[in-house]
Amino acid sequence: KILSGMDGMLEMAVMPQSEVLVTAIVGMIGIRPTIAAIKEKK
């Protein structure tokens, strides 16, 4: 499934199939996906 932009990153960050989110992206663009993943207990 191909996604784009911040909406796509947020969807990937909370996908139920993942247990660990590796945040290797550069810059403050990583803040929102990290917050979303934490809320889903990744």
All heavy atoms as atom14 arrays in JSON, in Angstrom:
{
  "sequence": "KILSGMDGMLEMAVMPQSEVLVTAIVGMIGIRPTIAAIKEKK",
  "atom14_mask": [
    [1, 1, 1, 1, 1, 1, 1, 1, 1, 0, 0, 0, 0, 0],
    [1, 1, 1, 1, 1, 1, 1, 1, 0, 0, 0, 0, 0, 0],
    [1, 1, 1, 1, 1, 1, 1, 1, 0, 0, 0, 0, 0, 0],
    [1, 1, 1, 1, 1, 1, 0, 0, 0, 0, 0, 0, 0, 0],
    [1, 1, 1, 1, 0, 0, 0, 0, 0, 0, 0, 0, 0, 0],
    [1, 1, 1, 1, 1, 1, 1, 1, 0, 0, 0, 0, 0, 0],
    [1, 1, 1, 1, 1, 1, 1, 1, 0, 0, 0, 0, 0, 0],
    [1, 1, 1, 1, 0, 0, 0, 0, 0, 0, 0, 0, 0, 0],
    [1, 1, 1, 1, 1, 1, 1, 1, 0, 0, 0, 0, 0, 0],
    [1, 1, 1, 1, 1, 1, 1, 1, 0, 0, 0, 0, 0, 0],
    [1, 1, 1, 1, 1, 1, 1, 1, 1, 0, 0, 0, 0, 0],
    [1, 1, 1, 1, 1, 1, 1, 1, 0, 0, 0, 0, 0, 0],
    [1, 1, 1, 1, 1, 0, 0, 0, 0, 0, 0, 0, 0, 0],
    [1, 1, 1, 1, 1, 1, 1, 0, 0, 0, 0, 0, 0, 0],
    [1, 1, 1, 1, 1, 1, 1, 1, 0, 0, 0, 0, 0, 0],
    [1, 1, 1, 1, 1, 1, 1, 0, 0, 0, 0, 0, 0, 0],
    [1, 1, 1, 1, 1, 1, 1, 1, 1, 0, 0, 0, 0, 0],
    [1, 1, 1, 1, 1, 1, 0, 0, 0, 0, 0, 0, 0, 0],
    [1, 1, 1, 1, 1, 1, 1, 1, 1, 0, 0, 0, 0, 0],
    [1, 1, 1, 1, 1, 1, 1, 0, 0, 0, 0, 0, 0, 0],
    [1, 1, 1, 1, 1, 1, 1, 1, 0, 0, 0, 0, 0, 0],
    [1, 1, 1, 1, 1, 1, 1, 0, 0, 0, 0, 0, 0, 0],
    [1, 1, 1, 1, 1, 1, 1, 0, 0, 0, 0, 0, 0, 0],
    [1, 1, 1, 1, 1, 0, 0, 0, 0, 0, 0, 0, 0, 0],
    [1, 1, 1, 1, 1, 1, 1, 1, 0, 0, 0, 0, 0, 0],
    [1, 1, 1, 1, 1, 1, 1, 0, 0, 0, 0, 0, 0, 0],
    [1, 1, 1, 1, 0, 0, 0, 0, 0, 0, 0, 0, 0, 0],
    [1, 1, 1, 1, 1, 1, 1, 1, 0, 0, 0, 0, 0, 0],
    [1, 1, 1, 1, 1, 1, 1, 1, 0, 0, 0, 0, 0, 0],
    [1, 1, 1, 1, 0, 0, 0, 0, 0, 0, 0, 0, 0, 0],
    [1, 1, 1, 1, 1, 1, 1, 1, 0, 0, 0, 0, 0, 0],
    [1, 1, 1, 1, 1, 1, 1, 1, 1, 1, 1, 0, 0, 0],
    [1, 1, 1, 1, 1, 1, 1, 0, 0, 0, 0, 0, 0, 0],
    [1, 1, 1, 1, 1, 1, 1, 0, 0, 0, 0, 0, 0, 0],
    [1, 1, 1, 1, 1, 1, 1, 1, 0, 0, 0, 0, 0, 0],
    [1, 1, 1, 1, 1, 0, 0, 0, 0, 0, 0, 0, 0, 0],
    [1, 1, 1, 1, 1, 0, 0, 0, 0, 0, 0, 0, 0, 0],
    [1, 1, 1, 1, 1, 1, 1, 1, 0, 0, 0, 0, 0, 0],
    [1, 1, 1, 1, 1, 1, 1, 1, 1, 0, 0, 0, 0, 0],
    [1, 1, 1, 1, 1, 1, 1, 1, 1, 0, 0, 0, 0, 0],
    [1, 1, 1, 1, 1, 1, 1, 1, 1, 0, 0, 0, 0, 0],
    [1, 1, 1, 1, 1, 1, 1, 1, 1, 0, 0, 0, 0, 0]
  ],
  "atom14_positions": [
    [[0.86, -1.18, 0.0], [0.0, 0.0, 0.0], [0.9, 1.23, 0.0], [1.73, 1.4, 0.9], [-0.9, -0.01, 1.24], [-1.87, 1.17, 1.33], [-2.72, 1.05, 2.6], [-3.71, 2.19, 2.71], [-4.53, 2.09, 3.96], [0.0, 0.0, 0.0], [0.0, 0.0, 0.0], [0.0, 0.0, 0.0], [0.0, 0.0, 0.0], [0.0, 0.0, 0.0]],
    [[0.76, 2.11, -0.98], [1.6, 3.3, -1.11], [0.86, 4.51, -0.56], [-0.27, 4.81, -0.97], [2.01, 3.55, -2.57], [2.67, 2.31, -3.15], [2.93, 4.76, -2.66], [3.95, 1.89, -2.47], [0.0, 0.0, 0.0], [0.0, 0.0, 0.0], [0.0, 0.0, 0.0], [0.0, 0.0, 0.0], [0.0, 0.0, 0.0], [0.0, 0.0, 0.0]],
    [[1.51, 5.21, 0.37], [0.95, 6.41, 0.98], [1.94, 7.56, 0.79], [3.07, 7.35, 0.36], [0.7, 6.17, 2.47], [-0.23, 5.0, 2.82], [-0.2, 4.75, 4.32], [-1.65, 5.3, 2.36], [0.0, 0.0, 0.0], [0.0, 0.0, 0.0], [0.0, 0.0, 0.0], [0.0, 0.0, 0.0], [0.0, 0.0, 0.0], [0.0, 0.0, 0.0]],
    [[1.49, 8.78, 1.15], [2.38, 9.93, 0.99], [2.18, 10.94, 2.1], [1.15, 10.98, 2.77], [2.15, 10.61, -0.37], [0.88, 11.22, -0.4], [0.0, 0.0, 0.0], [0.0, 0.0, 0.0], [0.0, 0.0, 0.0], [0.0, 0.0, 0.0], [0.0, 0.0, 0.0], [0.0, 0.0, 0.0], [0.0, 0.0, 0.0], [0.0, 0.0, 0.0]],
    [[3.23, 11.78, 2.28], [3.15, 12.92, 3.17], [3.01, 12.56, 4.64], [3.18, 11.4, 5.05], [0.0, 0.0, 0.0], [0.0, 0.0, 0.0], [0.0, 0.0, 0.0], [0.0, 0.0, 0.0], [0.0, 0.0, 0.0], [0.0, 0.0, 0.0], [0.0, 0.0, 0.0], [0.0, 0.0, 0.0], [0.0, 0.0, 0.0], [0.0, 0.0, 0.0]],
    [[2.68, 13.57, 5.43], [2.53, 13.36, 6.87], [1.4, 12.41, 7.19], [1.51, 11.57, 8.1], [2.3, 14.72, 7.56], [2.12, 14.61, 9.08], [3.47, 13.75, 9.93], [4.82, 14.87, 9.67], [0.0, 0.0, 0.0], [0.0, 0.0, 0.0], [0.0, 0.0, 0.0], [0.0, 0.0, 0.0], [0.0, 0.0, 0.0], [0.0, 0.0, 0.0]],
    [[0.3, 12.48, 6.45], [-0.81, 11.56, 6.7], [-0.35, 10.11, 6.53], [-0.73, 9.23, 7.31], [-1.98, 11.85, 5.76], [-2.71, 13.13, 6.11], [-2.52, 13.63, 7.24], [-3.46, 13.64, 5.26], [0.0, 0.0, 0.0], [0.0, 0.0, 0.0], [0.0, 0.0, 0.0], [0.0, 0.0, 0.0], [0.0, 0.0, 0.0], [0.0, 0.0, 0.0]],
    [[0.45, 9.88, 5.52], [0.97, 8.54, 5.3], [1.88, 8.09, 6.4], [1.82, 6.93, 6.86], [0.0, 0.0, 0.0], [0.0, 0.0, 0.0], [0.0, 0.0, 0.0], [0.0, 0.0, 0.0], [0.0, 0.0, 0.0], [0.0, 0.0, 0.0], [0.0, 0.0, 0.0], [0.0, 0.0, 0.0], [0.0, 0.0, 0.0], [0.0, 0.0, 0.0]],
    [[2.76, 8.97, 6.87], [3.67, 8.62, 7.97], [2.9, 8.33, 9.25], [3.24, 7.4, 10.0], [4.69, 9.73, 8.19], [5.78, 9.77, 7.13], [7.09, 10.93, 7.51], [6.37, 12.44, 6.91], [0.0, 0.0, 0.0], [0.0, 0.0, 0.0], [0.0, 0.0, 0.0], [0.0, 0.0, 0.0], [0.0, 0.0, 0.0], [0.0, 0.0, 0.0]],
    [[1.88, 9.12, 9.49], [1.06, 8.88, 10.7], [0.34, 7.54, 10.61], [0.25, 6.8, 11.61], [0.06, 10.02, 10.87], [0.64, 11.37, 11.27], [-0.42, 12.47, 11.2], [1.24, 11.3, 12.67], [0.0, 0.0, 0.0], [0.0, 0.0, 0.0], [0.0, 0.0, 0.0], [0.0, 0.0, 0.0], [0.0, 0.0, 0.0], [0.0, 0.0, 0.0]],
    [[-0.18, 7.21, 9.43], [-0.86, 5.92, 9.27], [0.11, 4.77, 9.49], [-0.22, 3.77, 10.14], [-1.5, 5.83, 7.89], [-2.31, 4.55, 7.69], [-3.1, 4.54, 6.4], [-3.45, 5.63, 5.89], [-3.39, 3.42, 5.9], [0.0, 0.0, 0.0], [0.0, 0.0, 0.0], [0.0, 0.0, 0.0], [0.0, 0.0, 0.0], [0.0, 0.0, 0.0]],
    [[1.32, 4.9, 8.96], [2.3, 3.84, 9.15], [2.72, 3.73, 10.61], [2.92, 2.64, 11.15], [3.54, 4.08, 8.29], [4.49, 2.89, 8.24], [6.11, 3.27, 7.53], [6.92, 4.04, 8.94], [0.0, 0.0, 0.0], [0.0, 0.0, 0.0], [0.0, 0.0, 0.0], [0.0, 0.0, 0.0], [0.0, 0.0, 0.0], [0.0, 0.0, 0.0]],
    [[2.84, 4.87, 11.29], [3.3, 4.88, 12.68], [2.37, 4.13, 13.61], [2.81, 3.55, 14.61], [3.47, 6.31, 13.16], [0.0, 0.0, 0.0], [0.0, 0.0, 0.0], [0.0, 0.0, 0.0], [0.0, 0.0, 0.0], [0.0, 0.0, 0.0], [0.0, 0.0, 0.0], [0.0, 0.0, 0.0], [0.0, 0.0, 0.0], [0.0, 0.0, 0.0]],
    [[1.08, 4.1, 13.28], [0.11, 3.46, 14.18], [-0.41, 2.14, 13.63], [-1.33, 1.55, 14.22], [-1.07, 4.42, 14.46], [-0.57, 5.71, 15.08], [-1.88, 4.71, 13.2], [0.0, 0.0, 0.0], [0.0, 0.0, 0.0], [0.0, 0.0, 0.0], [0.0, 0.0, 0.0], [0.0, 0.0, 0.0], [0.0, 0.0, 0.0], [0.0, 0.0, 0.0]],
    [[0.13, 1.66, 12.52], [-0.4, 0.42, 11.93], [-0.38, -0.71, 12.95], [0.62, -0.91, 13.65], [0.35, 0.06, 10.66], [1.84, -0.18, 10.81], [2.7, -0.36, 9.21], [1.9, -1.82, 8.55], [0.0, 0.0, 0.0], [0.0, 0.0, 0.0], [0.0, 0.0, 0.0], [0.0, 0.0, 0.0], [0.0, 0.0, 0.0], [0.0, 0.0, 0.0]],
    [[-1.47, -1.44, 13.08], [-1.57, -2.44, 14.15], [-0.57, -3.58, 14.02], [-0.26, -4.24, 15.01], [-3.02, -2.95, 14.02], [-3.45, -2.58, 12.63], [-2.71, -1.33, 12.29], [0.0, 0.0, 0.0], [0.0, 0.0, 0.0], [0.0, 0.0, 0.0], [0.0, 0.0, 0.0], [0.0, 0.0, 0.0], [0.0, 0.0, 0.0], [0.0, 0.0, 0.0]],
    [[-0.04, -3.81, 12.83], [0.87, -4.94, 12.64], [2.26, -4.69, 13.22], [3.05, -5.61, 13.41], [1.0, -5.27, 11.15], [-0.29, -5.74, 10.5], [-1.11, -4.58, 9.94], [-0.87, -3.41, 10.27], [-2.08, -4.89, 9.09], [0.0, 0.0, 0.0], [0.0, 0.0, 0.0], [0.0, 0.0, 0.0], [0.0, 0.0, 0.0], [0.0, 0.0, 0.0]],
    [[2.63, -3.42, 13.48], [4.0, -3.14, 13.94], [4.08, -3.1, 15.46], [3.13, -2.71, 16.15], [4.49, -1.81, 13.37], [3.86, -0.72, 14.0], [0.0, 0.0, 0.0], [0.0, 0.0, 0.0], [0.0, 0.0, 0.0], [0.0, 0.0, 0.0], [0.0, 0.0, 0.0], [0.0, 0.0, 0.0], [0.0, 0.0, 0.0], [0.0, 0.0, 0.0]],
    [[5.23, -3.5, 15.96], [5.51, -3.44, 17.4], [6.5, -2.34, 17.73], [6.45, -1.74, 18.81], [6.09, -4.77, 17.88], [5.21, -5.97, 17.63], [5.99, -7.27, 17.77], [6.49, -7.52, 18.88], [6.11, -8.0, 16.77], [0.0, 0.0, 0.0], [0.0, 0.0, 0.0], [0.0, 0.0, 0.0], [0.0, 0.0, 0.0], [0.0, 0.0, 0.0]],
    [[7.44, -2.08, 16.81], [8.52, -1.12, 17.03], [8.55, -0.13, 15.88], [8.5, -0.52, 14.72], [9.89, -1.83, 17.12], [11.0, -0.81, 17.36], [9.89, -2.89, 18.22], [0.0, 0.0, 0.0], [0.0, 0.0, 0.0], [0.0, 0.0, 0.0], [0.0, 0.0, 0.0], [0.0, 0.0, 0.0], [0.0, 0.0, 0.0], [0.0, 0.0, 0.0]],
    [[8.63, 1.17, 16.22], [8.83, 2.2, 15.22], [10.27, 2.7, 15.33], [10.66, 3.24, 16.37], [7.86, 3.36, 15.41], [8.01, 4.51, 14.4], [7.61, 4.04, 12.99], [7.21, 5.73, 14.81], [0.0, 0.0, 0.0], [0.0, 0.0, 0.0], [0.0, 0.0, 0.0], [0.0, 0.0, 0.0], [0.0, 0.0, 0.0], [0.0, 0.0, 0.0]],
    [[11.04, 2.51, 14.27], [12.39, 3.04, 14.21], [12.3, 4.44, 13.61], [11.91, 4.59, 12.44], [13.32, 2.15, 13.35], [14.72, 2.73, 13.31], [13.33, 0.71, 13.88], [0.0, 0.0, 0.0], [0.0, 0.0, 0.0], [0.0, 0.0, 0.0], [0.0, 0.0, 0.0], [0.0, 0.0, 0.0], [0.0, 0.0, 0.0], [0.0, 0.0, 0.0]],
    [[12.63, 5.46, 14.39], [12.51, 6.83, 13.91], [13.89, 7.29, 13.45], [14.65, 7.9, 14.2], [11.95, 7.77, 14.98], [12.84, 7.79, 16.09], [10.59, 7.31, 15.45], [0.0, 0.0, 0.0], [0.0, 0.0, 0.0], [0.0, 0.0, 0.0], [0.0, 0.0, 0.0], [0.0, 0.0, 0.0], [0.0, 0.0, 0.0], [0.0, 0.0, 0.0]],
    [[14.2, 7.02, 12.19], [15.51, 7.34, 11.62], [15.44, 8.5, 10.65], [16.41, 8.8, 9.97], [16.09, 6.12, 10.92], [0.0, 0.0, 0.0], [0.0, 0.0, 0.0], [0.0, 0.0, 0.0], [0.0, 0.0, 0.0], [0.0, 0.0, 0.0], [0.0, 0.0, 0.0], [0.0, 0.0, 0.0], [0.0, 0.0, 0.0], [0.0, 0.0, 0.0]],
    [[14.31, 9.17, 10.6], [14.13, 10.3, 9.7], [14.8, 11.53, 10.29], [14.89, 11.68, 11.51], [12.62, 10.55, 9.46], [12.39, 11.34, 8.19], [11.96, 11.18, 10.66], [10.95, 11.28, 7.71], [0.0, 0.0, 0.0], [0.0, 0.0, 0.0], [0.0, 0.0, 0.0], [0.0, 0.0, 0.0], [0.0, 0.0, 0.0], [0.0, 0.0, 0.0]],
    [[15.32, 12.42, 9.45], [16.02, 13.61, 9.91], [15.04, 14.77, 10.05], [14.21, 15.0, 9.17], [17.15, 13.99, 8.94], [17.79, 15.32, 9.35], [18.21, 12.9, 8.89], [0.0, 0.0, 0.0], [0.0, 0.0, 0.0], [0.0, 0.0, 0.0], [0.0, 0.0, 0.0], [0.0, 0.0, 0.0], [0.0, 0.0, 0.0], [0.0, 0.0, 0.0]],
    [[15.13, 15.49, 11.17], [14.36, 16.71, 11.32], [13.13, 16.58, 12.2], [12.77, 15.49, 12.65], [0.0, 0.0, 0.0], [0.0, 0.0, 0.0], [0.0, 0.0, 0.0], [0.0, 0.0, 0.0], [0.0, 0.0, 0.0], [0.0, 0.0, 0.0], [0.0, 0.0, 0.0], [0.0, 0.0, 0.0], [0.0, 0.0, 0.0], [0.0, 0.0, 0.0]],
    [[12.46, 17.7, 12.4], [11.29, 17.75, 13.28], [10.07, 17.09, 12.67], [9.04, 16.95, 13.32], [10.99, 19.21, 13.65], [11.92, 19.72, 14.73], [11.66, 21.46, 15.13], [12.91, 22.23, 14.11], [0.0, 0.0, 0.0], [0.0, 0.0, 0.0], [0.0, 0.0, 0.0], [0.0, 0.0, 0.0], [0.0, 0.0, 0.0], [0.0, 0.0, 0.0]],
    [[10.19, 16.67, 11.43], [9.1, 15.92, 10.79], [8.81, 14.62, 11.54], [7.74, 14.05, 11.42], [9.45, 15.64, 9.31], [8.2, 15.21, 8.53], [10.56, 14.6, 9.2], [8.44, 15.11, 7.04], [0.0, 0.0, 0.0], [0.0, 0.0, 0.0], [0.0, 0.0, 0.0], [0.0, 0.0, 0.0], [0.0, 0.0, 0.0], [0.0, 0.0, 0.0]],
    [[9.77, 14.18, 12.37], [9.57, 12.95, 13.12], [8.72, 13.09, 14.36], [8.32, 12.08, 14.96], [0.0, 0.0, 0.0], [0.0, 0.0, 0.0], [0.0, 0.0, 0.0], [0.0, 0.0, 0.0], [0.0, 0.0, 0.0], [0.0, 0.0, 0.0], [0.0, 0.0, 0.0], [0.0, 0.0, 0.0], [0.0, 0.0, 0.0], [0.0, 0.0, 0.0]],
    [[8.4, 14.32, 14.77], [7.69, 14.5, 16.04], [6.29, 13.89, 16.02], [5.92, 13.09, 16.9], [7.59, 16.01, 16.39], [8.97, 16.6, 16.63], [6.71, 16.2, 17.64], [8.97, 18.1, 16.83], [0.0, 0.0, 0.0], [0.0, 0.0, 0.0], [0.0, 0.0, 0.0], [0.0, 0.0, 0.0], [0.0, 0.0, 0.0], [0.0, 0.0, 0.0]],
    [[5.48, 14.26, 15.03], [4.09, 13.79, 15.01], [3.98, 12.27, 14.9], [3.19, 11.65, 15.65], [3.33, 14.48, 13.86], [3.07, 15.96, 14.09], [2.2, 16.52, 12.97], [2.05, 17.95, 13.03], [1.16, 18.61, 13.77], [0.34, 17.92, 14.55], [1.09, 19.93, 13.74], [0.0, 0.0, 0.0], [0.0, 0.0, 0.0], [0.0, 0.0, 0.0]],
    [[4.71, 11.61, 14.0], [4.63, 10.15, 13.96], [5.07, 9.49, 15.26], [4.49, 8.48, 15.67], [5.56, 9.78, 12.8], [5.64, 11.0, 11.95], [5.54, 12.14, 12.89], [0.0, 0.0, 0.0], [0.0, 0.0, 0.0], [0.0, 0.0, 0.0], [0.0, 0.0, 0.0], [0.0, 0.0, 0.0], [0.0, 0.0, 0.0], [0.0, 0.0, 0.0]],
    [[6.07, 10.06, 15.92], [6.53, 9.49, 17.19], [5.44, 9.6, 18.25], [5.17, 8.64, 18.99], [7.81, 10.2, 17.66], [8.82, 10.06, 16.66], [8.32, 9.59, 18.96], [0.0, 0.0, 0.0], [0.0, 0.0, 0.0], [0.0, 0.0, 0.0], [0.0, 0.0, 0.0], [0.0, 0.0, 0.0], [0.0, 0.0, 0.0], [0.0, 0.0, 0.0]],
    [[4.8, 10.75, 18.34], [3.71, 10.94, 19.3], [2.57, 9.96, 19.0], [2.03, 9.32, 19.91], [3.21, 12.39, 19.26], [4.25, 13.33, 19.88], [1.86, 12.53, 19.97], [3.92, 14.8, 19.76], [0.0, 0.0, 0.0], [0.0, 0.0, 0.0], [0.0, 0.0, 0.0], [0.0, 0.0, 0.0], [0.0, 0.0, 0.0], [0.0, 0.0, 0.0]],
    [[2.23, 9.84, 17.73], [1.14, 8.93, 17.35], [1.48, 7.49, 17.73], [0.63, 6.75, 18.25], [0.88, 9.03, 15.85], [0.0, 0.0, 0.0], [0.0, 0.0, 0.0], [0.0, 0.0, 0.0], [0.0, 0.0, 0.0], [0.0, 0.0, 0.0], [0.0, 0.0, 0.0], [0.0, 0.0, 0.0], [0.0, 0.0, 0.0], [0.0, 0.0, 0.0]],
    [[2.72, 7.08, 17.49], [3.13, 5.71, 17.8], [3.12, 5.46, 19.3], [2.72, 4.37, 19.76], [4.52, 5.44, 17.22], [0.0, 0.0, 0.0], [0.0, 0.0, 0.0], [0.0, 0.0, 0.0], [0.0, 0.0, 0.0], [0.0, 0.0, 0.0], [0.0, 0.0, 0.0], [0.0, 0.0, 0.0], [0.0, 0.0, 0.0], [0.0, 0.0, 0.0]],
    [[3.56, 6.45, 20.08], [3.54, 6.29, 21.54], [2.12, 6.11, 22.05], [1.85, 5.28, 22.92], [4.22, 7.51, 22.21], [5.73, 7.5, 21.94], [3.95, 7.52, 23.72], [6.44, 8.76, 22.38], [0.0, 0.0, 0.0], [0.0, 0.0, 0.0], [0.0, 0.0, 0.0], [0.0, 0.0, 0.0], [0.0, 0.0, 0.0], [0.0, 0.0, 0.0]],
    [[1.2, 6.88, 21.51], [-0.2, 6.77, 21.93], [-0.77, 5.39, 21.62], [-1.7, 4.92, 22.3], [-1.05, 7.86, 21.28], [-0.77, 9.24, 21.83], [-1.63, 10.3, 21.14], [-1.39, 11.69, 21.73], [-2.2, 12.73, 21.05], [0.0, 0.0, 0.0], [0.0, 0.0, 0.0], [0.0, 0.0, 0.0], [0.0, 0.0, 0.0], [0.0, 0.0, 0.0]],
    [[-0.2, 4.72, 20.6], [-0.63, 3.36, 20.26], [0.26, 2.31, 20.93], [0.2, 1.14, 20.59], [-0.61, 3.18, 18.75], [-1.67, 3.97, 18.02], [-3.09, 3.58, 18.43], [-3.36, 2.35, 18.5], [-3.9, 4.49, 18.7], [0.0, 0.0, 0.0], [0.0, 0.0, 0.0], [0.0, 0.0, 0.0], [0.0, 0.0, 0.0], [0.0, 0.0, 0.0]],
    [[1.11, 2.8, 21.87], [1.95, 1.92, 22.7], [2.98, 1.13, 21.9], [3.3, -0.03, 22.23], [1.08, 1.01, 23.57], [0.07, 1.78, 24.43], [-0.61, 0.92, 25.45], [-1.68, 1.7, 26.21], [-1.23, 2.95, 26.8], [0.0, 0.0, 0.0], [0.0, 0.0, 0.0], [0.0, 0.0, 0.0], [0.0, 0.0, 0.0], [0.0, 0.0, 0.0]],
    [[3.5, 1.74, 20.84], [4.6, 1.13, 20.09], [5.93, 1.45, 20.8], [6.12, 2.57, 21.27], [4.68, 1.69, 18.67], [3.37, 1.73, 17.91], [2.88, 0.36, 17.54], [1.65, 0.48, 16.64], [1.03, -0.85, 16.36], [0.0, 0.0, 0.0], [0.0, 0.0, 0.0], [0.0, 0.0, 0.0], [0.0, 0.0, 0.0], [0.0, 0.0, 0.0]]
  ]
}
